């Protein structure tokens, strides 16, 4: 089992760290990672300060890869990502933590 963590950094970077690392530059647009393994697939999304969210905060979530295909049975949880110090020392992103199978493959995608 591996652990992956997804969160926003600054106002333009959607990060993945833990047992694998990635970073998508997504200024003024969202970004996503496709997670695939033998036990299932899912998409993890991140977008900075959408109009429907008050204040300057990241939105991090998941989506099905296709209608009718359920999310994989991987344990998931949210916490507040630690502040990065830039541009503000206050926290402003949730962090999604997913325990994934060892055969996980991650593909970076821009939304």
N, C-alpha and C. Protein backbone atom coordinates (compact mmCIF):
# COMPACT_ATOMS: atom_id res chain seq x y z
N UNK A 1 0.84 -1.18 0.00
CA UNK A 1 0.00 0.00 0.00
C UNK A 1 0.89 1.25 0.00
N UNK A 2 0.52 2.23 -0.81
CA UNK A 2 1.21 3.51 -0.87
C UNK A 2 0.26 4.61 -0.40
N UNK A 3 0.80 5.74 -0.01
CA UNK A 3 -0.01 6.89 0.40
C UNK A 3 0.31 8.07 -0.50
N UNK A 4 -0.73 8.69 -1.06
CA UNK A 4 -0.59 9.88 -1.89
C UNK A 4 -1.35 11.03 -1.25
N UNK A 5 -0.78 12.24 -1.32
CA UNK A 5 -1.39 13.43 -0.73
C UNK A 5 -1.52 14.49 -1.82
N UNK A 6 -2.72 15.10 -1.92
CA UNK A 6 -3.02 16.09 -2.95
C UNK A 6 -3.48 17.39 -2.30
N UNK A 7 -2.91 18.51 -2.76
CA UNK A 7 -3.25 19.81 -2.18
C UNK A 7 -2.77 20.92 -3.10
N UNK A 8 -3.29 22.12 -2.86
CA UNK A 8 -2.86 23.28 -3.62
C UNK A 8 -1.74 24.01 -2.91
N UNK A 9 -0.85 24.59 -3.70
CA UNK A 9 0.25 25.38 -3.16
C UNK A 9 0.29 26.70 -3.92
N UNK A 10 0.49 27.78 -3.20
CA UNK A 10 0.43 29.10 -3.80
C UNK A 10 -0.94 29.23 -4.47
N UNK A 11 -1.03 29.95 -5.57
CA UNK A 11 -2.31 30.04 -6.27
C UNK A 11 -2.25 29.38 -7.64
N UNK A 12 -1.19 28.63 -7.89
CA UNK A 12 -1.04 28.09 -9.25
C UNK A 12 -0.44 26.70 -9.34
N UNK A 13 -0.26 26.00 -8.23
CA UNK A 13 0.35 24.68 -8.29
C UNK A 13 -0.52 23.65 -7.56
N UNK A 14 -0.88 22.57 -8.25
CA UNK A 14 -1.59 21.46 -7.63
C UNK A 14 -0.57 20.36 -7.40
N UNK A 15 -0.37 20.01 -6.16
CA UNK A 15 0.72 19.13 -5.74
C UNK A 15 0.26 17.72 -5.41
N UNK A 16 1.16 16.77 -5.61
CA UNK A 16 0.99 15.41 -5.14
C UNK A 16 2.30 15.03 -4.46
N UNK A 17 2.22 14.54 -3.24
CA UNK A 17 3.42 14.00 -2.60
C UNK A 17 3.05 12.80 -1.76
N UNK A 18 4.01 12.30 -1.04
CA UNK A 18 3.85 11.04 -0.32
C UNK A 18 4.80 10.04 -0.95
N UNK A 19 4.29 8.87 -1.33
CA UNK A 19 5.14 7.85 -1.95
C UNK A 19 5.45 8.15 -3.42
N UNK A 20 4.74 9.12 -4.01
CA UNK A 20 5.03 9.60 -5.36
C UNK A 20 4.90 11.11 -5.33
N UNK A 21 5.58 11.79 -6.26
CA UNK A 21 5.52 13.24 -6.29
C UNK A 21 5.14 13.74 -7.68
N UNK A 22 4.41 14.85 -7.69
CA UNK A 22 4.03 15.50 -8.93
C UNK A 22 3.61 16.92 -8.66
N UNK A 23 3.60 17.73 -9.70
CA UNK A 23 3.20 19.13 -9.57
C UNK A 23 2.67 19.59 -10.91
N UNK A 24 1.46 20.16 -10.90
CA UNK A 24 0.86 20.66 -12.13
C UNK A 24 0.71 22.17 -12.00
N UNK A 25 1.24 22.91 -12.96
CA UNK A 25 1.07 24.35 -13.01
C UNK A 25 -0.32 24.62 -13.58
N UNK A 26 -1.18 25.25 -12.81
CA UNK A 26 -2.56 25.41 -13.25
C UNK A 26 -3.11 26.80 -12.92
N UNK A 27 -2.30 27.82 -13.13
CA UNK A 27 -2.76 29.18 -12.87
C UNK A 27 -3.98 29.49 -13.72
N UNK A 28 -5.02 29.97 -13.09
CA UNK A 28 -6.31 30.36 -13.70
C UNK A 28 -7.07 29.18 -14.31
N UNK A 29 -6.70 27.96 -13.99
CA UNK A 29 -7.47 26.79 -14.43
C UNK A 29 -7.28 25.69 -13.40
N UNK A 30 -8.11 24.68 -13.46
CA UNK A 30 -7.96 23.56 -12.55
C UNK A 30 -6.98 22.54 -13.10
N UNK A 31 -6.70 21.54 -12.30
CA UNK A 31 -5.80 20.47 -12.71
C UNK A 31 -6.30 19.16 -12.13
N UNK A 32 -5.86 18.06 -12.69
CA UNK A 32 -6.29 16.77 -12.18
C UNK A 32 -5.22 15.70 -12.39
N UNK A 33 -5.34 14.68 -11.58
CA UNK A 33 -4.50 13.48 -11.68
C UNK A 33 -5.43 12.28 -11.88
N UNK A 34 -5.13 11.44 -12.86
CA UNK A 34 -5.85 10.19 -13.06
C UNK A 34 -5.09 9.10 -12.31
N UNK A 35 -5.76 8.42 -11.39
CA UNK A 35 -5.17 7.32 -10.63
C UNK A 35 -5.74 6.02 -11.16
N UNK A 36 -4.87 5.09 -11.54
CA UNK A 36 -5.31 3.82 -12.12
C UNK A 36 -4.56 2.65 -11.49
N UNK A 37 -5.28 1.57 -11.23
CA UNK A 37 -4.66 0.32 -10.78
C UNK A 37 -5.58 -0.83 -11.16
N UNK A 38 -5.15 -2.04 -10.88
CA UNK A 38 -5.98 -3.22 -11.15
C UNK A 38 -7.30 -3.15 -10.39
N UNK A 39 -7.31 -2.49 -9.23
CA UNK A 39 -8.52 -2.46 -8.39
C UNK A 39 -9.44 -1.28 -8.68
N UNK A 40 -9.09 -0.43 -9.64
CA UNK A 40 -9.99 0.65 -10.00
C UNK A 40 -9.29 1.90 -10.48
N UNK A 41 -10.12 2.90 -10.82
CA UNK A 41 -9.62 4.19 -11.31
C UNK A 41 -10.44 5.31 -10.69
N UNK A 42 -9.81 6.48 -10.58
CA UNK A 42 -10.49 7.67 -10.12
C UNK A 42 -9.71 8.90 -10.55
N UNK A 43 -10.34 10.05 -10.47
CA UNK A 43 -9.70 11.31 -10.80
C UNK A 43 -9.67 12.18 -9.55
N UNK A 44 -8.54 12.83 -9.30
CA UNK A 44 -8.41 13.79 -8.21
C UNK A 44 -8.26 15.17 -8.84
N UNK A 45 -9.12 16.11 -8.43
CA UNK A 45 -9.15 17.46 -8.98
C UNK A 45 -8.69 18.49 -7.97
N UNK A 46 -8.12 19.57 -8.46
CA UNK A 46 -7.81 20.73 -7.65
C UNK A 46 -8.03 21.99 -8.45
N UNK A 47 -8.66 22.99 -7.83
CA UNK A 47 -8.85 24.28 -8.48
C UNK A 47 -8.74 25.37 -7.40
N UNK A 48 -8.08 26.46 -7.75
CA UNK A 48 -7.87 27.55 -6.80
C UNK A 48 -8.98 28.58 -6.91
N UNK A 49 -9.61 28.89 -5.80
CA UNK A 49 -10.57 29.98 -5.63
C UNK A 49 -11.64 30.07 -6.72
N UNK A 50 -12.43 29.00 -6.93
CA UNK A 50 -13.51 29.13 -7.90
C UNK A 50 -14.55 30.13 -7.39
N UNK A 51 -15.31 30.69 -8.32
CA UNK A 51 -16.30 31.72 -7.96
C UNK A 51 -17.29 31.25 -6.90
N UNK A 52 -17.60 29.97 -6.87
CA UNK A 52 -18.58 29.45 -5.92
C UNK A 52 -18.03 29.25 -4.51
N UNK A 53 -16.74 29.51 -4.31
CA UNK A 53 -16.11 29.33 -3.00
C UNK A 53 -15.72 30.68 -2.43
N UNK A 54 -16.19 31.00 -1.23
CA UNK A 54 -15.82 32.29 -0.65
C UNK A 54 -14.34 32.32 -0.26
N UNK A 55 -13.72 33.46 -0.44
CA UNK A 55 -12.32 33.62 -0.05
C UNK A 55 -11.38 32.96 -1.02
N UNK A 56 -10.13 33.09 -0.72
CA UNK A 56 -9.08 32.50 -1.57
C UNK A 56 -8.68 31.16 -0.97
N UNK A 57 -9.25 30.11 -1.47
CA UNK A 57 -9.00 28.77 -0.96
C UNK A 57 -9.03 27.77 -2.11
N UNK A 58 -8.27 26.72 -1.97
CA UNK A 58 -8.30 25.64 -2.93
C UNK A 58 -9.51 24.74 -2.69
N UNK A 59 -9.98 24.12 -3.75
CA UNK A 59 -10.99 23.08 -3.67
C UNK A 59 -10.32 21.81 -4.20
N UNK A 60 -10.35 20.75 -3.42
CA UNK A 60 -9.73 19.48 -3.79
C UNK A 60 -10.81 18.41 -3.66
N UNK A 61 -10.96 17.57 -4.68
CA UNK A 61 -11.98 16.54 -4.64
C UNK A 61 -11.71 15.40 -5.59
N UNK A 62 -12.68 14.50 -5.67
CA UNK A 62 -12.54 13.31 -6.52
C UNK A 62 -13.71 13.22 -7.48
N UNK A 63 -13.52 12.46 -8.55
CA UNK A 63 -14.57 12.22 -9.53
C UNK A 63 -14.44 10.79 -10.05
N UNK A 64 -15.57 10.27 -10.52
CA UNK A 64 -15.56 8.99 -11.22
C UNK A 64 -14.87 9.17 -12.56
N UNK A 65 -14.26 8.14 -13.08
CA UNK A 65 -13.65 8.24 -14.40
C UNK A 65 -14.69 8.16 -15.50
N UNK A 66 -15.82 7.58 -15.17
CA UNK A 66 -16.90 7.43 -16.15
C UNK A 66 -18.20 7.13 -15.40
N UNK A 67 -19.28 7.63 -15.92
CA UNK A 67 -20.58 7.37 -15.31
C UNK A 67 -20.81 5.86 -15.22
N UNK A 68 -21.27 5.41 -14.07
CA UNK A 68 -21.55 3.99 -13.88
C UNK A 68 -20.38 3.19 -13.35
N UNK A 69 -19.20 3.79 -13.24
CA UNK A 69 -18.04 3.08 -12.69
C UNK A 69 -17.76 3.67 -11.30
N UNK A 70 -17.90 2.84 -10.28
CA UNK A 70 -17.77 3.30 -8.90
C UNK A 70 -16.32 3.68 -8.55
N UNK A 71 -16.19 4.51 -7.53
CA UNK A 71 -14.86 4.82 -6.99
C UNK A 71 -14.22 3.54 -6.46
N UNK A 72 -12.91 3.44 -6.54
CA UNK A 72 -12.22 2.27 -5.96
C UNK A 72 -12.38 2.27 -4.44
N UNK A 73 -12.24 1.11 -3.82
CA UNK A 73 -12.40 1.00 -2.37
C UNK A 73 -11.14 1.38 -1.60
N UNK A 74 -10.50 2.47 -1.99
CA UNK A 74 -9.27 2.91 -1.35
C UNK A 74 -9.60 3.86 -0.20
N UNK A 75 -8.99 3.68 0.96
CA UNK A 75 -9.24 4.60 2.08
C UNK A 75 -8.82 6.03 1.72
N UNK A 76 -9.71 7.00 2.03
CA UNK A 76 -9.45 8.42 1.75
C UNK A 76 -9.83 9.24 2.98
N UNK A 77 -9.11 10.35 3.15
CA UNK A 77 -9.44 11.27 4.24
C UNK A 77 -8.93 12.67 3.88
N UNK A 78 -9.51 13.67 4.54
CA UNK A 78 -9.10 15.05 4.33
C UNK A 78 -8.52 15.62 5.61
N UNK A 79 -7.61 16.57 5.44
CA UNK A 79 -7.09 17.37 6.55
C UNK A 79 -6.73 18.73 5.96
N UNK A 80 -6.37 19.66 6.81
CA UNK A 80 -5.90 20.96 6.33
C UNK A 80 -4.42 20.85 6.03
N UNK A 81 -4.03 21.25 4.81
CA UNK A 81 -2.60 21.21 4.44
C UNK A 81 -1.85 22.24 5.28
N UNK A 82 -0.64 21.94 5.68
CA UNK A 82 0.14 22.92 6.43
C UNK A 82 0.39 24.16 5.58
N UNK A 83 0.45 25.34 6.20
CA UNK A 83 0.72 26.55 5.44
C UNK A 83 2.09 26.49 4.78
N UNK A 84 2.18 27.04 3.57
CA UNK A 84 3.44 27.02 2.84
C UNK A 84 4.28 28.26 3.12
N UNK A 85 3.64 29.30 3.68
CA UNK A 85 4.37 30.54 3.93
C UNK A 85 4.32 31.49 2.77
N UNK A 86 3.85 31.02 1.59
CA UNK A 86 3.74 31.89 0.43
C UNK A 86 2.39 31.66 -0.23
N UNK A 87 1.63 32.65 -0.51
CA UNK A 87 1.88 34.07 -0.27
C UNK A 87 1.53 34.51 1.15
N UNK A 88 0.94 33.61 1.92
CA UNK A 88 0.47 33.95 3.25
C UNK A 88 0.83 32.80 4.18
N UNK A 89 1.19 33.09 5.42
CA UNK A 89 1.55 32.00 6.33
C UNK A 89 0.34 31.23 6.86
N UNK A 90 -0.88 31.59 6.45
CA UNK A 90 -2.08 30.90 6.90
C UNK A 90 -2.39 29.73 5.97
N UNK A 91 -3.02 28.67 6.51
CA UNK A 91 -3.41 27.56 5.62
C UNK A 91 -4.53 28.00 4.68
N UNK A 92 -4.51 27.47 3.46
CA UNK A 92 -5.57 27.80 2.50
C UNK A 92 -5.88 26.66 1.54
N UNK A 93 -5.50 25.45 1.90
CA UNK A 93 -5.83 24.31 1.05
C UNK A 93 -6.18 23.09 1.89
N UNK A 94 -7.26 22.39 1.52
CA UNK A 94 -7.46 21.06 2.08
C UNK A 94 -6.42 20.12 1.47
N UNK A 95 -6.12 19.03 2.15
CA UNK A 95 -5.22 18.02 1.60
C UNK A 95 -5.96 16.69 1.62
N UNK A 96 -6.07 16.07 0.46
CA UNK A 96 -6.69 14.77 0.33
C UNK A 96 -5.61 13.71 0.43
N UNK A 97 -5.82 12.74 1.30
CA UNK A 97 -4.86 11.65 1.51
C UNK A 97 -5.54 10.35 1.10
N UNK A 98 -4.90 9.63 0.18
CA UNK A 98 -5.48 8.39 -0.32
C UNK A 98 -4.45 7.27 -0.16
N UNK A 99 -4.88 6.17 0.45
CA UNK A 99 -4.06 4.96 0.52
C UNK A 99 -4.37 4.15 -0.73
N UNK A 100 -3.38 4.00 -1.59
CA UNK A 100 -3.57 3.37 -2.90
C UNK A 100 -2.78 2.07 -3.00
N UNK A 101 -3.16 1.18 -3.91
CA UNK A 101 -2.41 -0.07 -4.09
C UNK A 101 -1.01 0.19 -4.64
N UNK A 102 -0.14 -0.78 -4.44
CA UNK A 102 1.24 -0.65 -4.92
C UNK A 102 1.35 -0.54 -6.43
N UNK A 103 0.36 -1.05 -7.17
CA UNK A 103 0.43 -1.00 -8.64
C UNK A 103 -0.15 0.31 -9.22
N UNK A 104 -0.32 1.32 -8.40
CA UNK A 104 -0.93 2.56 -8.84
C UNK A 104 -0.12 3.23 -9.95
N UNK A 105 -0.83 3.78 -10.92
CA UNK A 105 -0.23 4.60 -11.96
C UNK A 105 -0.92 5.95 -11.91
N UNK A 106 -0.14 7.02 -11.98
CA UNK A 106 -0.68 8.38 -11.89
C UNK A 106 -0.35 9.12 -13.18
N UNK A 107 -1.36 9.73 -13.77
CA UNK A 107 -1.19 10.53 -14.98
C UNK A 107 -1.62 11.95 -14.69
N UNK A 108 -0.75 12.91 -14.95
CA UNK A 108 -1.08 14.33 -14.77
C UNK A 108 -1.94 14.79 -15.92
N UNK A 109 -3.01 15.55 -15.57
CA UNK A 109 -3.91 16.08 -16.59
C UNK A 109 -4.26 17.51 -16.22
N UNK A 110 -4.35 18.39 -17.18
CA UNK A 110 -4.88 19.72 -16.92
C UNK A 110 -6.36 19.69 -17.22
N UNK A 111 -7.14 20.35 -16.37
CA UNK A 111 -8.60 20.36 -16.57
C UNK A 111 -9.00 21.33 -17.64
